[in-house]
């Protein structure tokens, strides 16, 4: 049997960056994403977010691509949120996402970062955060 553990940090937002993820809605949606991921054999290590986006640290198994895992988590959770009427508005995730592999040595720092999203976003918007992540990723691959 093959053993594969590829860590992925993914970030995705609500469509048009709408602030649909109030604390109550966010709790329900994140719980559902976790339950659905477990049922689909996607190991979610950390999952948290803010009003307009979600951070997810998950491990790919040998049969799963990043795009397939995100399709299963994003698409299914939006469908569920609309069926359950968790918001007054139609719930949609944006099509795009950010995903990057994470080394085992970076897991502790990333877990703390994901766990502290509310505090983090008192200082920085989602757009600023994504720009910063993109710059960090670009620098690490081209320096």
N, C-alpha and C. Protein backbone atom coordinates (compact mmCIF):
# COMPACT_ATOMS: atom_id res chain seq x y z
N UNK A 1 0.83 -1.18 0.00
CA UNK A 1 0.00 0.00 0.00
C UNK A 1 0.87 1.25 0.00
N UNK A 2 0.53 2.20 -0.85
CA UNK A 2 1.27 3.46 -0.91
C UNK A 2 0.81 4.39 0.20
N UNK A 3 1.76 5.14 0.71
CA UNK A 3 1.44 6.15 1.71
C UNK A 3 1.81 7.50 1.13
N UNK A 4 0.83 8.37 1.01
CA UNK A 4 1.05 9.70 0.45
C UNK A 4 0.52 10.73 1.43
N UNK A 5 1.33 11.70 1.74
CA UNK A 5 0.88 12.81 2.58
C UNK A 5 1.46 14.08 1.96
N UNK A 6 0.67 14.73 1.14
CA UNK A 6 1.04 16.00 0.54
C UNK A 6 0.16 17.06 1.17
N UNK A 7 0.77 17.99 1.90
CA UNK A 7 0.02 19.03 2.59
C UNK A 7 -0.28 20.19 1.66
N UNK A 8 -1.52 20.66 1.69
CA UNK A 8 -1.96 21.77 0.85
C UNK A 8 -2.61 22.84 1.73
N UNK A 9 -2.20 24.08 1.52
CA UNK A 9 -2.87 25.22 2.14
C UNK A 9 -3.70 25.87 1.03
N UNK A 10 -5.01 25.83 1.18
CA UNK A 10 -5.90 26.41 0.18
C UNK A 10 -6.69 27.55 0.80
N UNK A 11 -6.92 28.58 0.01
CA UNK A 11 -7.72 29.72 0.42
C UNK A 11 -8.71 29.99 -0.69
N UNK A 12 -9.98 30.10 -0.33
CA UNK A 12 -10.98 30.47 -1.32
C UNK A 12 -11.99 31.42 -0.70
N UNK A 13 -12.58 32.23 -1.54
CA UNK A 13 -13.49 33.25 -1.03
C UNK A 13 -14.91 33.06 -1.53
N UNK A 14 -15.78 33.87 -0.97
CA UNK A 14 -17.16 33.91 -1.43
C UNK A 14 -17.18 34.66 -2.76
N UNK A 15 -18.19 34.39 -3.56
CA UNK A 15 -18.30 35.07 -4.85
C UNK A 15 -18.46 36.57 -4.61
N UNK A 16 -17.70 37.34 -5.37
CA UNK A 16 -17.68 38.81 -5.26
C UNK A 16 -17.27 39.28 -3.86
N UNK A 17 -16.60 38.41 -3.13
CA UNK A 17 -16.11 38.72 -1.78
C UNK A 17 -17.21 39.23 -0.85
N UNK A 18 -18.40 38.69 -1.04
CA UNK A 18 -19.52 39.07 -0.18
C UNK A 18 -19.29 38.53 1.22
N UNK A 19 -19.61 39.32 2.20
CA UNK A 19 -19.41 38.95 3.61
C UNK A 19 -20.56 38.09 4.12
N UNK A 20 -20.69 36.91 3.53
CA UNK A 20 -21.78 36.00 3.89
C UNK A 20 -21.47 35.14 5.11
N UNK A 21 -20.18 35.02 5.43
CA UNK A 21 -19.77 34.10 6.48
C UNK A 21 -19.76 34.80 7.84
N UNK A 22 -20.96 35.17 8.30
CA UNK A 22 -21.08 35.69 9.66
C UNK A 22 -20.64 34.58 10.61
N UNK A 23 -20.43 34.88 11.85
CA UNK A 23 -19.93 33.87 12.78
C UNK A 23 -20.82 32.62 12.80
N UNK A 24 -22.12 32.80 12.85
CA UNK A 24 -23.06 31.68 12.88
C UNK A 24 -23.01 30.88 11.58
N UNK A 25 -23.07 31.56 10.46
CA UNK A 25 -23.02 30.89 9.15
C UNK A 25 -21.68 30.19 8.98
N UNK A 26 -20.61 30.88 9.33
CA UNK A 26 -19.26 30.30 9.19
C UNK A 26 -19.15 29.01 9.99
N UNK A 27 -19.65 29.00 11.21
CA UNK A 27 -19.60 27.80 12.05
C UNK A 27 -20.30 26.64 11.36
N UNK A 28 -21.50 26.88 10.84
CA UNK A 28 -22.26 25.82 10.16
C UNK A 28 -21.56 25.33 8.90
N UNK A 29 -21.09 26.27 8.07
CA UNK A 29 -20.46 25.90 6.80
C UNK A 29 -19.16 25.14 7.05
N UNK A 30 -18.35 25.62 7.99
CA UNK A 30 -17.08 24.95 8.26
C UNK A 30 -17.31 23.55 8.83
N UNK A 31 -18.29 23.42 9.71
CA UNK A 31 -18.61 22.09 10.25
C UNK A 31 -19.01 21.15 9.11
N UNK A 32 -19.83 21.66 8.19
CA UNK A 32 -20.27 20.83 7.08
C UNK A 32 -19.11 20.47 6.15
N UNK A 33 -18.24 21.42 5.86
CA UNK A 33 -17.08 21.12 5.01
C UNK A 33 -16.25 20.00 5.64
N UNK A 34 -16.01 20.10 6.96
CA UNK A 34 -15.25 19.05 7.66
C UNK A 34 -15.90 17.68 7.54
N UNK A 35 -17.22 17.64 7.81
CA UNK A 35 -17.94 16.36 7.76
C UNK A 35 -17.93 15.78 6.35
N UNK A 36 -18.16 16.62 5.35
CA UNK A 36 -18.17 16.17 3.97
C UNK A 36 -16.78 15.70 3.53
N UNK A 37 -15.75 16.46 3.93
CA UNK A 37 -14.38 16.08 3.57
C UNK A 37 -14.04 14.72 4.15
N UNK A 38 -14.40 14.51 5.41
CA UNK A 38 -14.12 13.23 6.06
C UNK A 38 -14.82 12.09 5.30
N UNK A 39 -16.07 12.32 4.91
CA UNK A 39 -16.83 11.31 4.16
C UNK A 39 -16.18 11.01 2.81
N UNK A 40 -15.50 12.02 2.24
CA UNK A 40 -14.84 11.86 0.94
C UNK A 40 -13.37 11.47 1.08
N UNK A 41 -12.97 11.15 2.31
CA UNK A 41 -11.61 10.72 2.63
C UNK A 41 -10.56 11.80 2.33
N UNK A 42 -10.95 13.05 2.62
CA UNK A 42 -10.02 14.17 2.56
C UNK A 42 -9.70 14.53 4.00
N UNK A 43 -8.44 14.46 4.38
CA UNK A 43 -8.06 14.76 5.75
C UNK A 43 -7.87 16.27 5.91
N UNK A 44 -8.78 16.91 6.62
CA UNK A 44 -8.69 18.33 6.91
C UNK A 44 -8.06 18.50 8.28
N UNK A 45 -6.89 19.11 8.30
CA UNK A 45 -6.15 19.34 9.54
C UNK A 45 -6.60 20.63 10.21
N UNK A 46 -6.76 21.69 9.44
CA UNK A 46 -7.20 22.98 9.95
C UNK A 46 -8.18 23.58 8.96
N UNK A 47 -9.19 24.25 9.51
CA UNK A 47 -10.20 24.91 8.67
C UNK A 47 -10.73 26.09 9.46
N UNK A 48 -10.60 27.26 8.89
CA UNK A 48 -11.08 28.46 9.55
C UNK A 48 -11.26 29.54 8.49
N UNK A 49 -11.83 30.64 8.87
CA UNK A 49 -12.02 31.69 7.89
C UNK A 49 -12.47 32.97 8.53
N UNK A 50 -12.93 33.86 7.67
CA UNK A 50 -13.44 35.15 8.10
C UNK A 50 -14.71 35.40 7.31
N UNK A 51 -15.17 36.60 7.26
CA UNK A 51 -16.49 36.88 6.69
C UNK A 51 -16.61 36.57 5.20
N UNK A 52 -15.49 36.58 4.47
CA UNK A 52 -15.57 36.42 3.02
C UNK A 52 -14.64 35.37 2.45
N UNK A 53 -14.00 34.56 3.30
CA UNK A 53 -13.09 33.54 2.78
C UNK A 53 -12.78 32.46 3.82
N UNK A 54 -12.17 31.40 3.33
CA UNK A 54 -11.83 30.24 4.15
C UNK A 54 -10.39 29.83 3.89
N UNK A 55 -9.71 29.39 4.94
CA UNK A 55 -8.39 28.77 4.85
C UNK A 55 -8.55 27.31 5.21
N UNK A 56 -7.92 26.44 4.44
CA UNK A 56 -8.00 25.01 4.72
C UNK A 56 -6.62 24.39 4.56
N UNK A 57 -6.17 23.71 5.59
CA UNK A 57 -4.96 22.90 5.51
C UNK A 57 -5.41 21.46 5.44
N UNK A 58 -5.12 20.82 4.32
CA UNK A 58 -5.55 19.43 4.16
C UNK A 58 -4.45 18.61 3.52
N UNK A 59 -4.59 17.31 3.64
CA UNK A 59 -3.61 16.39 3.08
C UNK A 59 -4.26 15.64 1.92
N UNK A 60 -3.54 15.60 0.82
CA UNK A 60 -4.01 14.82 -0.32
C UNK A 60 -3.69 13.35 -0.09
N UNK A 61 -4.58 12.49 -0.54
CA UNK A 61 -4.24 11.07 -0.53
C UNK A 61 -3.76 10.69 -1.94
N UNK A 62 -3.43 9.45 -2.15
CA UNK A 62 -2.84 9.02 -3.41
C UNK A 62 -3.80 9.16 -4.60
N UNK A 63 -5.09 9.21 -4.37
CA UNK A 63 -6.07 9.24 -5.45
C UNK A 63 -6.71 10.60 -5.68
N UNK A 64 -6.21 11.64 -5.04
CA UNK A 64 -6.91 12.92 -5.07
C UNK A 64 -6.00 14.04 -5.58
N UNK A 65 -6.52 14.83 -6.51
CA UNK A 65 -5.81 16.03 -6.96
C UNK A 65 -6.28 17.23 -6.15
N UNK A 66 -5.54 18.31 -6.20
CA UNK A 66 -5.93 19.53 -5.51
C UNK A 66 -7.28 20.02 -6.05
N UNK A 67 -7.41 20.05 -7.37
CA UNK A 67 -8.66 20.57 -7.95
C UNK A 67 -9.85 19.70 -7.58
N UNK A 68 -9.67 18.39 -7.54
CA UNK A 68 -10.77 17.49 -7.16
C UNK A 68 -11.16 17.70 -5.69
N UNK A 69 -10.17 17.80 -4.82
CA UNK A 69 -10.46 18.01 -3.39
C UNK A 69 -11.21 19.33 -3.19
N UNK A 70 -10.77 20.38 -3.86
CA UNK A 70 -11.43 21.67 -3.70
C UNK A 70 -12.82 21.68 -4.33
N UNK A 71 -12.97 20.99 -5.43
CA UNK A 71 -14.30 20.86 -6.03
C UNK A 71 -15.25 20.18 -5.06
N UNK A 72 -14.79 19.12 -4.42
CA UNK A 72 -15.63 18.39 -3.47
C UNK A 72 -15.97 19.25 -2.25
N UNK A 73 -15.00 20.03 -1.77
CA UNK A 73 -15.26 20.85 -0.59
C UNK A 73 -16.07 22.11 -0.92
N UNK A 74 -15.67 22.82 -1.96
CA UNK A 74 -16.35 24.08 -2.31
C UNK A 74 -17.74 23.83 -2.90
N UNK A 75 -17.81 23.02 -3.94
CA UNK A 75 -19.07 22.82 -4.64
C UNK A 75 -20.14 22.20 -3.78
N UNK A 76 -19.77 21.18 -3.05
CA UNK A 76 -20.75 20.49 -2.21
C UNK A 76 -21.22 21.38 -1.08
N UNK A 77 -20.31 22.16 -0.48
CA UNK A 77 -20.71 23.01 0.64
C UNK A 77 -21.63 24.15 0.20
N UNK A 78 -21.40 24.70 -0.98
CA UNK A 78 -22.30 25.76 -1.49
C UNK A 78 -23.69 25.17 -1.76
N UNK A 79 -23.72 24.00 -2.36
CA UNK A 79 -25.00 23.33 -2.63
C UNK A 79 -25.75 23.08 -1.32
N UNK A 80 -25.05 22.55 -0.34
CA UNK A 80 -25.65 22.28 0.96
C UNK A 80 -26.15 23.57 1.62
N UNK A 81 -25.32 24.63 1.59
CA UNK A 81 -25.69 25.90 2.23
C UNK A 81 -26.97 26.47 1.62
N UNK A 82 -27.14 26.31 0.32
CA UNK A 82 -28.35 26.82 -0.33
C UNK A 82 -29.56 25.95 -0.01
N UNK A 83 -29.37 24.63 0.01
CA UNK A 83 -30.48 23.74 0.36
C UNK A 83 -30.95 23.97 1.80
N UNK A 84 -30.01 24.26 2.69
CA UNK A 84 -30.32 24.46 4.10
C UNK A 84 -30.67 25.91 4.43
N UNK A 85 -30.57 26.79 3.44
CA UNK A 85 -30.88 28.22 3.63
C UNK A 85 -30.10 28.82 4.80
N UNK A 86 -28.78 28.59 4.81
CA UNK A 86 -27.97 29.10 5.92
C UNK A 86 -27.78 30.62 5.85
N UNK A 87 -28.04 31.22 4.70
CA UNK A 87 -28.02 32.68 4.57
C UNK A 87 -29.30 33.12 3.86
N UNK A 88 -29.59 34.40 3.97
CA UNK A 88 -30.76 34.95 3.28
C UNK A 88 -30.50 35.05 1.78
N UNK A 89 -29.24 35.02 1.39
CA UNK A 89 -28.84 35.20 0.00
C UNK A 89 -28.34 33.89 -0.58
N UNK A 90 -28.28 33.84 -1.90
CA UNK A 90 -27.69 32.66 -2.55
C UNK A 90 -26.23 32.57 -2.13
N UNK A 91 -25.82 31.40 -1.68
CA UNK A 91 -24.45 31.19 -1.23
C UNK A 91 -23.62 30.64 -2.39
N UNK A 92 -22.56 31.35 -2.73
CA UNK A 92 -21.66 30.88 -3.79
C UNK A 92 -20.22 31.18 -3.41
N UNK A 93 -19.35 30.25 -3.76
CA UNK A 93 -17.92 30.48 -3.64
C UNK A 93 -17.43 31.06 -4.97
N UNK A 94 -16.39 31.86 -4.91
CA UNK A 94 -15.74 32.33 -6.13
C UNK A 94 -15.13 31.13 -6.85
N UNK A 95 -14.99 31.22 -8.16
CA UNK A 95 -14.40 30.12 -8.92
C UNK A 95 -12.92 29.92 -8.59
N UNK A 96 -12.20 31.02 -8.40
CA UNK A 96 -10.76 30.91 -8.19
C UNK A 96 -10.44 30.54 -6.75
N UNK A 97 -9.23 30.06 -6.58
CA UNK A 97 -8.71 29.74 -5.25
C UNK A 97 -7.20 29.84 -5.29
N UNK A 98 -6.60 29.87 -4.13
CA UNK A 98 -5.16 29.86 -3.97
C UNK A 98 -4.83 28.54 -3.29
N UNK A 99 -3.87 27.81 -3.82
CA UNK A 99 -3.45 26.56 -3.18
C UNK A 99 -1.95 26.39 -3.37
N UNK A 100 -1.28 26.02 -2.30
CA UNK A 100 0.16 25.84 -2.35
C UNK A 100 0.53 24.66 -1.45
N UNK A 101 1.57 23.94 -1.82
CA UNK A 101 2.03 22.84 -0.98
C UNK A 101 2.76 23.42 0.22
N UNK A 102 2.75 22.66 1.31
CA UNK A 102 3.35 23.10 2.57
C UNK A 102 4.29 22.01 3.05
N UNK A 103 5.48 22.42 3.49
CA UNK A 103 6.42 21.43 4.02
C UNK A 103 6.03 21.05 5.44
N UNK A 104 6.43 19.88 5.84
CA UNK A 104 6.15 19.41 7.20
C UNK A 104 6.68 20.41 8.24
N UNK A 105 7.81 21.04 7.96
CA UNK A 105 8.41 21.96 8.93
C UNK A 105 7.60 23.26 9.07
N UNK A 106 6.77 23.59 8.09
CA UNK A 106 5.98 24.81 8.16
C UNK A 106 4.59 24.62 8.74
N UNK A 107 4.25 23.39 9.11
CA UNK A 107 2.88 23.11 9.57
C UNK A 107 2.50 23.85 10.85
N UNK A 108 3.39 23.91 11.82
CA UNK A 108 3.07 24.55 13.10
C UNK A 108 2.71 26.01 12.92
N UNK A 109 3.52 26.73 12.17
CA UNK A 109 3.29 28.15 11.94
C UNK A 109 1.98 28.36 11.16
N UNK A 110 1.75 27.53 10.15
CA UNK A 110 0.53 27.65 9.35
C UNK A 110 -0.72 27.33 10.17
N UNK A 111 -0.64 26.32 11.01
CA UNK A 111 -1.79 25.98 11.86
C UNK A 111 -2.16 27.16 12.76
N UNK A 112 -1.16 27.80 13.36
CA UNK A 112 -1.42 28.96 14.21
C UNK A 112 -2.03 30.10 13.41
N UNK A 113 -1.54 30.31 12.21
CA UNK A 113 -2.05 31.37 11.33
C UNK A 113 -3.52 31.12 10.98
N UNK A 114 -3.86 29.89 10.64
CA UNK A 114 -5.24 29.56 10.30
C UNK A 114 -6.14 29.67 11.53
N UNK A 115 -5.65 29.22 12.67
CA UNK A 115 -6.44 29.27 13.90
C UNK A 115 -6.78 30.71 14.31
N UNK A 116 -5.94 31.67 13.95
CA UNK A 116 -6.10 33.05 14.41
C UNK A 116 -6.62 33.99 13.32
N UNK A 117 -7.54 33.54 12.50
CA UNK A 117 -8.04 34.36 11.40
C UNK A 117 -8.74 35.64 11.84
N UNK A 118 -9.57 35.58 12.86
CA UNK A 118 -10.29 36.79 13.27
C UNK A 118 -9.32 37.88 13.69
N UNK A 119 -8.35 37.53 14.51
CA UNK A 119 -7.36 38.51 14.95
C UNK A 119 -6.56 39.04 13.76
N UNK A 120 -6.16 38.15 12.89
CA UNK A 120 -5.38 38.52 11.70
C UNK A 120 -6.14 39.52 10.83
N UNK A 121 -7.44 39.32 10.67
CA UNK A 121 -8.21 40.18 9.76
C UNK A 121 -8.71 41.47 10.40
N UNK A 122 -8.34 41.70 11.62
CA UNK A 122 -8.56 43.03 12.19
C UNK A 122 -7.55 44.00 11.57
N UNK A 123 -6.45 43.45 11.05
CA UNK A 123 -5.36 44.27 10.52
C UNK A 123 -5.27 44.23 9.00
N UNK A 124 -5.82 43.20 8.38
CA UNK A 124 -5.58 43.00 6.95
C UNK A 124 -6.83 42.46 6.26
N UNK A 125 -7.13 42.98 5.08
CA UNK A 125 -8.28 42.48 4.32
C UNK A 125 -7.92 41.20 3.60
N UNK A 126 -8.93 40.51 3.11
CA UNK A 126 -8.73 39.30 2.33
C UNK A 126 -7.88 39.60 1.09
N UNK A 127 -8.17 40.70 0.40
CA UNK A 127 -7.41 41.06 -0.81
C UNK A 127 -5.94 41.28 -0.47
N UNK A 128 -5.66 41.99 0.64
CA UNK A 128 -4.27 42.21 1.06
C UNK A 128 -3.59 40.89 1.41
N UNK A 129 -4.34 40.01 2.06
CA UNK A 129 -3.80 38.72 2.45
C UNK A 129 -3.42 37.88 1.23
N UNK A 130 -4.31 37.82 0.23
CA UNK A 130 -4.03 37.04 -0.98
C UNK A 130 -2.83 37.62 -1.72
N UNK A 131 -2.76 38.95 -1.82
CA UNK A 131 -1.60 39.59 -2.47
C UNK A 131 -0.31 39.20 -1.75
N UNK A 132 -0.34 39.21 -0.42
CA UNK A 132 0.83 38.84 0.36
C UNK A 132 1.21 37.36 0.14
N UNK A 133 0.21 36.48 0.13
CA UNK A 133 0.48 35.06 -0.12
C UNK A 133 1.09 34.85 -1.50
N UNK A 134 0.57 35.56 -2.49
CA UNK A 134 1.09 35.43 -3.85
C UNK A 134 2.54 35.92 -3.92
N UNK A 135 2.84 37.03 -3.25
CA UNK A 135 4.21 37.54 -3.24
C UNK A 135 5.15 36.56 -2.56
N UNK A 136 4.74 36.00 -1.43
CA UNK A 136 5.57 35.02 -0.73
C UNK A 136 5.83 33.81 -1.61
N UNK A 137 4.80 33.31 -2.27
CA UNK A 137 4.94 32.14 -3.13
C UNK A 137 5.87 32.45 -4.30
N UNK A 138 5.70 33.61 -4.90
CA UNK A 138 6.53 34.01 -6.03
C UNK A 138 7.99 34.12 -5.61
N UNK A 139 8.24 34.74 -4.46
CA UNK A 139 9.60 34.91 -3.99
C UNK A 139 10.27 33.59 -3.66
N UNK A 140 9.52 32.66 -3.09
CA UNK A 140 10.15 31.39 -2.71
C UNK A 140 10.52 30.56 -3.93
N UNK A 141 9.84 30.78 -5.05
CA UNK A 141 10.14 29.99 -6.24
C UNK A 141 11.10 30.67 -7.20
N UNK A 142 11.37 31.96 -7.00
CA UNK A 142 12.21 32.67 -7.95
C UNK A 142 13.37 33.39 -7.28
N UNK A 143 13.68 33.08 -6.03
CA UNK A 143 14.78 33.77 -5.38
C UNK A 143 16.06 32.95 -5.43
